[in-house]
Protein backbone atom coordinates (compact mmCIF):
# COMPACT_ATOMS: atom_id res chain seq x y z
CA UNK A 1 -59.29 13.88 -80.27
CA UNK A 2 -55.59 14.94 -81.26
CA UNK A 3 -54.62 12.75 -78.36
CA UNK A 4 -57.14 9.79 -79.21
CA UNK A 5 -55.67 9.97 -82.79
CA UNK A 6 -52.12 9.63 -81.68
CA UNK A 7 -52.93 6.53 -79.34
CA UNK A 8 -54.23 4.81 -82.02
CA UNK A 9 -51.78 5.36 -84.27
CA UNK A 10 -49.49 4.34 -81.38
CA UNK A 11 -51.10 1.17 -81.01
CA UNK A 12 -51.39 0.52 -84.54
CA UNK A 13 -47.51 1.09 -84.61
CA UNK A 14 -46.83 -0.96 -81.78
CA UNK A 15 -49.26 -4.16 -82.91
CA UNK A 16 -46.55 -5.56 -85.15
CA UNK A 17 -43.88 -5.63 -82.20
CA UNK A 18 -46.22 -7.48 -79.78
CA UNK A 19 -47.25 -10.21 -82.61
CA UNK A 20 -43.38 -10.66 -83.19
CA UNK A 21 -42.95 -10.97 -79.47
CA UNK A 22 -45.61 -13.24 -79.04
CA UNK A 23 -44.56 -15.40 -82.34
CA UNK A 24 -41.04 -15.78 -81.17
CA UNK A 25 -42.27 -16.71 -77.32
CA UNK A 26 -44.75 -19.02 -78.29
CA UNK A 27 -41.99 -20.67 -80.56
CA UNK A 28 -39.33 -20.82 -77.64
CA UNK A 29 -41.90 -22.53 -75.49
CA UNK A 30 -42.86 -25.07 -78.35
CA UNK A 31 -39.41 -26.54 -78.74
CA UNK A 32 -38.21 -26.28 -75.25
CA UNK A 33 -41.10 -28.63 -74.42
CA UNK A 34 -40.42 -30.70 -77.17
CA UNK A 35 -36.41 -30.31 -75.68
CA UNK A 36 -37.31 -31.89 -72.48
CA UNK A 37 -39.55 -34.69 -74.51
CA UNK A 38 -36.76 -35.62 -76.47
CA UNK A 39 -34.09 -36.16 -73.79
CA UNK A 40 -36.63 -38.15 -71.76
CA UNK A 41 -36.64 -40.51 -74.58
CA UNK A 42 -33.48 -40.37 -76.10
CA UNK A 43 -34.63 -39.29 -79.49
CA UNK A 44 -31.37 -38.45 -81.09
CA UNK A 45 -33.28 -37.54 -84.39
CA UNK A 46 -35.74 -35.06 -82.75
CA UNK A 47 -33.05 -33.18 -80.49
CA UNK A 48 -31.09 -32.62 -84.09
CA UNK A 49 -34.20 -31.17 -85.33
CA UNK A 50 -34.66 -29.04 -82.32
CA UNK A 51 -31.24 -27.96 -82.15
CA UNK A 52 -31.96 -26.48 -85.94
CA UNK A 53 -34.79 -24.98 -84.86
CA UNK A 54 -33.70 -23.08 -82.31
CA UNK A 55 -30.71 -21.91 -84.47
CA UNK A 56 -33.00 -20.80 -87.09
CA UNK A 57 -35.41 -18.69 -84.48
CA UNK A 58 -31.93 -16.97 -83.33
CA UNK A 59 -31.08 -16.34 -87.05
CA UNK A 60 -34.78 -14.58 -87.61
CA UNK A 61 -34.33 -12.72 -84.58
CA UNK A 62 -31.09 -11.53 -84.87
CA UNK A 63 -31.26 -10.16 -81.10
CA UNK A 64 -31.65 -12.82 -78.89
CA UNK A 65 -29.32 -15.02 -77.69
CA UNK A 66 -31.46 -17.65 -76.31
CA UNK A 67 -32.32 -19.51 -79.04
CA UNK A 68 -28.28 -20.05 -79.60
CA UNK A 69 -28.24 -21.25 -76.30
CA UNK A 70 -30.69 -23.51 -76.81
CA UNK A 71 -29.55 -24.99 -79.75
CA UNK A 72 -26.04 -25.19 -78.11
CA UNK A 73 -27.37 -26.90 -75.27
CA UNK A 74 -29.28 -29.34 -77.16
CA UNK A 75 -26.14 -30.39 -79.22
CA UNK A 76 -24.23 -31.02 -75.93
CA UNK A 77 -27.13 -32.93 -74.46
CA UNK A 78 -27.09 -34.75 -77.85
CA UNK A 79 -23.55 -35.84 -77.67
CA UNK A 80 -23.96 -36.56 -73.80
CA UNK A 81 -26.55 -38.91 -74.50
CA UNK A 82 -25.38 -40.40 -77.86
CA UNK A 83 -22.05 -41.15 -75.54
CA UNK A 84 -20.18 -41.75 -78.82
CA UNK A 85 -16.50 -39.99 -78.27
CA UNK A 86 -15.18 -40.51 -81.90
CA UNK A 87 -17.82 -38.05 -82.95
CA UNK A 88 -17.31 -35.46 -80.01
CA UNK A 89 -15.10 -32.98 -81.89
CA UNK A 90 -17.54 -32.89 -84.64
CA UNK A 91 -20.64 -32.06 -82.55
CA UNK A 92 -18.28 -29.41 -80.33
CA UNK A 93 -17.16 -27.82 -83.62
CA UNK A 94 -20.81 -26.68 -84.59
CA UNK A 95 -21.50 -26.10 -80.83
CA UNK A 96 -18.57 -23.72 -80.83
CA UNK A 97 -20.13 -21.90 -83.63
CA UNK A 98 -23.70 -21.45 -82.04
CA UNK A 99 -22.26 -20.52 -78.62
CA UNK A 100 -19.92 -17.43 -80.27
CA UNK A 101 -23.33 -16.46 -81.91
CA UNK A 102 -25.15 -16.17 -78.26
CA UNK A 103 -21.91 -14.77 -76.93
CA UNK A 104 -22.06 -12.07 -79.27
CA UNK A 105 -24.91 -10.95 -77.82
CA UNK A 106 -24.77 -11.49 -74.36
CA UNK A 107 -21.31 -10.98 -72.69
CA UNK A 108 -20.04 -12.60 -69.71
CA UNK A 109 -23.09 -14.77 -69.08
CA UNK A 110 -23.11 -17.48 -66.61
CA UNK A 111 -24.88 -19.82 -68.89
CA UNK A 112 -22.89 -19.67 -71.81
CA UNK A 113 -19.81 -20.07 -69.66
CA UNK A 114 -21.42 -23.23 -68.37
CA UNK A 115 -22.15 -24.26 -72.02
CA UNK A 116 -18.23 -23.69 -73.16
CA UNK A 117 -17.24 -25.89 -70.01
CA UNK A 118 -19.40 -28.78 -71.22
CA UNK A 119 -18.52 -28.43 -74.80
CA UNK A 120 -14.65 -28.96 -73.82
CA UNK A 121 -15.61 -31.77 -71.83
CA UNK A 122 -17.03 -33.15 -74.99
CA UNK A 123 -13.62 -32.91 -76.50
CA UNK A 124 -11.93 -34.18 -73.70
CA UNK A 125 -13.77 -37.39 -73.40
CA UNK A 126 -12.62 -38.35 -76.83
CA UNK A 127 -9.42 -39.11 -75.03
CA UNK A 128 -9.56 -38.26 -71.52
CA UNK A 129 -5.88 -39.33 -70.79
CA UNK A 130 -4.52 -37.22 -73.80
CA UNK A 131 -6.45 -34.39 -73.56
CA UNK A 132 -6.93 -33.66 -69.74
CA UNK A 133 -3.60 -31.50 -70.69
CA UNK A 134 -5.33 -29.45 -73.44
CA UNK A 135 -8.47 -28.87 -71.98
CA UNK A 136 -8.46 -29.40 -68.43
CA UNK A 137 -8.02 -26.25 -67.34
CA UNK A 138 -10.12 -24.43 -69.68
CA UNK A 139 -12.93 -26.57 -68.52
CA UNK A 140 -12.23 -25.58 -64.95
CA UNK A 141 -11.60 -21.79 -65.97
CA UNK A 142 -15.32 -21.74 -67.71
CA UNK A 143 -16.72 -23.36 -65.20
CA UNK A 144 -15.37 -21.08 -62.34
CA UNK A 145 -16.35 -18.16 -64.58
CA UNK A 146 -19.89 -19.32 -64.56
CA UNK A 147 -20.26 -19.43 -61.07
CA UNK A 148 -18.69 -15.74 -60.52
CA UNK A 149 -20.77 -14.19 -63.08
CA UNK A 150 -23.98 -15.57 -61.42
CA UNK A 151 -23.02 -16.71 -57.75
CA UNK A 152 -27.13 -17.81 -58.19
CA UNK A 153 -27.08 -20.28 -60.59
CA UNK A 154 -27.03 -23.99 -59.67
CA UNK A 155 -25.89 -25.32 -63.01
CA UNK A 156 -22.25 -24.40 -62.86
CA UNK A 157 -21.98 -26.48 -59.61
CA UNK A 158 -23.77 -29.35 -60.68
CA UNK A 159 -21.54 -29.63 -63.61
CA UNK A 160 -18.05 -29.34 -61.31
CA UNK A 161 -19.80 -32.02 -58.86
CA UNK A 162 -20.57 -34.45 -61.48
CA UNK A 163 -16.95 -33.78 -63.34
CA UNK A 164 -15.49 -34.62 -60.00
CA UNK A 165 -17.97 -37.40 -59.53
CA UNK A 166 -16.76 -39.33 -62.80
CA UNK A 167 -12.94 -38.29 -62.17
CA UNK A 168 -10.80 -41.28 -60.33
CA UNK A 169 -10.25 -40.92 -56.81
CA UNK A 170 -6.62 -40.83 -57.65
CA UNK A 171 -6.85 -37.65 -59.16
CA UNK A 172 -8.97 -35.69 -56.93
CA UNK A 173 -12.34 -36.99 -58.05
CA UNK A 174 -14.91 -39.33 -56.36
CA UNK A 175 -18.06 -38.58 -54.18
CA UNK A 176 -16.25 -37.43 -51.22
CA UNK A 177 -15.11 -34.47 -53.04
CA UNK A 178 -18.10 -34.39 -55.58
CA UNK A 179 -20.89 -34.03 -52.72
CA UNK A 180 -20.26 -30.73 -51.78
CA UNK A 181 -20.49 -29.34 -54.96
CA UNK A 182 -23.90 -31.42 -55.82
CA UNK A 183 -25.33 -30.23 -52.08
CA UNK A 184 -24.66 -26.27 -52.98
CA UNK A 185 -25.87 -26.83 -56.38
CA UNK A 186 -29.31 -28.40 -55.02
CA UNK A 187 -29.57 -25.49 -51.99
CA UNK A 188 -29.46 -23.09 -55.17
CA UNK A 189 -31.84 -25.08 -56.96
CA UNK A 190 -34.38 -24.59 -54.06
CA UNK A 191 -33.92 -20.97 -54.25
CA UNK A 192 -33.51 -20.32 -58.12
CA UNK A 193 -35.91 -18.19 -59.97
CA UNK A 194 -35.35 -17.95 -63.81
CA UNK A 195 -35.39 -14.37 -65.06
CA UNK A 196 -38.51 -15.38 -67.55
CA UNK A 197 -40.15 -18.66 -68.58
CA UNK A 198 -37.68 -18.95 -71.57
CA UNK A 199 -34.34 -18.49 -69.59
CA UNK A 200 -32.48 -21.75 -68.35
CA UNK A 201 -34.47 -23.79 -65.20
CA UNK A 202 -32.84 -27.32 -66.18
CA UNK A 203 -30.97 -29.61 -64.23
CA UNK A 204 -32.39 -30.33 -60.58
CA UNK A 205 -33.73 -33.77 -61.21
CA UNK A 206 -30.48 -34.73 -62.47
CA UNK A 207 -28.54 -33.32 -59.93
CA UNK A 208 -30.68 -34.69 -57.32
CA UNK A 209 -29.85 -38.00 -58.73
CA UNK A 210 -26.52 -37.63 -58.51
CA UNK A 211 -26.27 -36.07 -55.07
CA UNK A 212 -28.38 -39.36 -54.21
CA UNK A 213 -25.72 -41.54 -55.64
CA UNK A 214 -23.01 -40.03 -53.46
CA UNK A 215 -24.90 -40.78 -50.10
């Protein structure tokens, strides 16, 4: 009887934890699906709302890095889709704050290192010729960190490949130099398995299009 009572008490104590976990997972899945939809439609207003929603989830949970990751990711994708370089610094400032919150909870993470590289690229795009010396080496370092921290992660190779593809040949870019990185990314995408249904898994279709453009 005593054992049954203890088990019943344990179940009651754990129930709020399970409920909270289910609520968190449900909210994250909802906004991840909405992120894909908003990006496909280039819905700028919705992406802004989604980023704010992810940040609110992170603030409520306090110990989960993924909400802040996705809040930062949607900010970056918003800027790339909108493509108004004059606004990039303001977006990058906000994104830096979100990445810092995620970084405080999850050190030396490949996905976060990649976001750092992507965010600095936004700053560089404001004036590429002037800002290459300021940010170029940092972008490369964060990209390399992302590859080292998780060699199975395809996204750093995708990003480095796309960056090279869009760099003039006289500066070491172009398809000839980008294709090996894009091919490596596709090889990794084929085998990649995210740590959970909430962990990053994006980029494969975009990578396939970029690689196709280099054939």
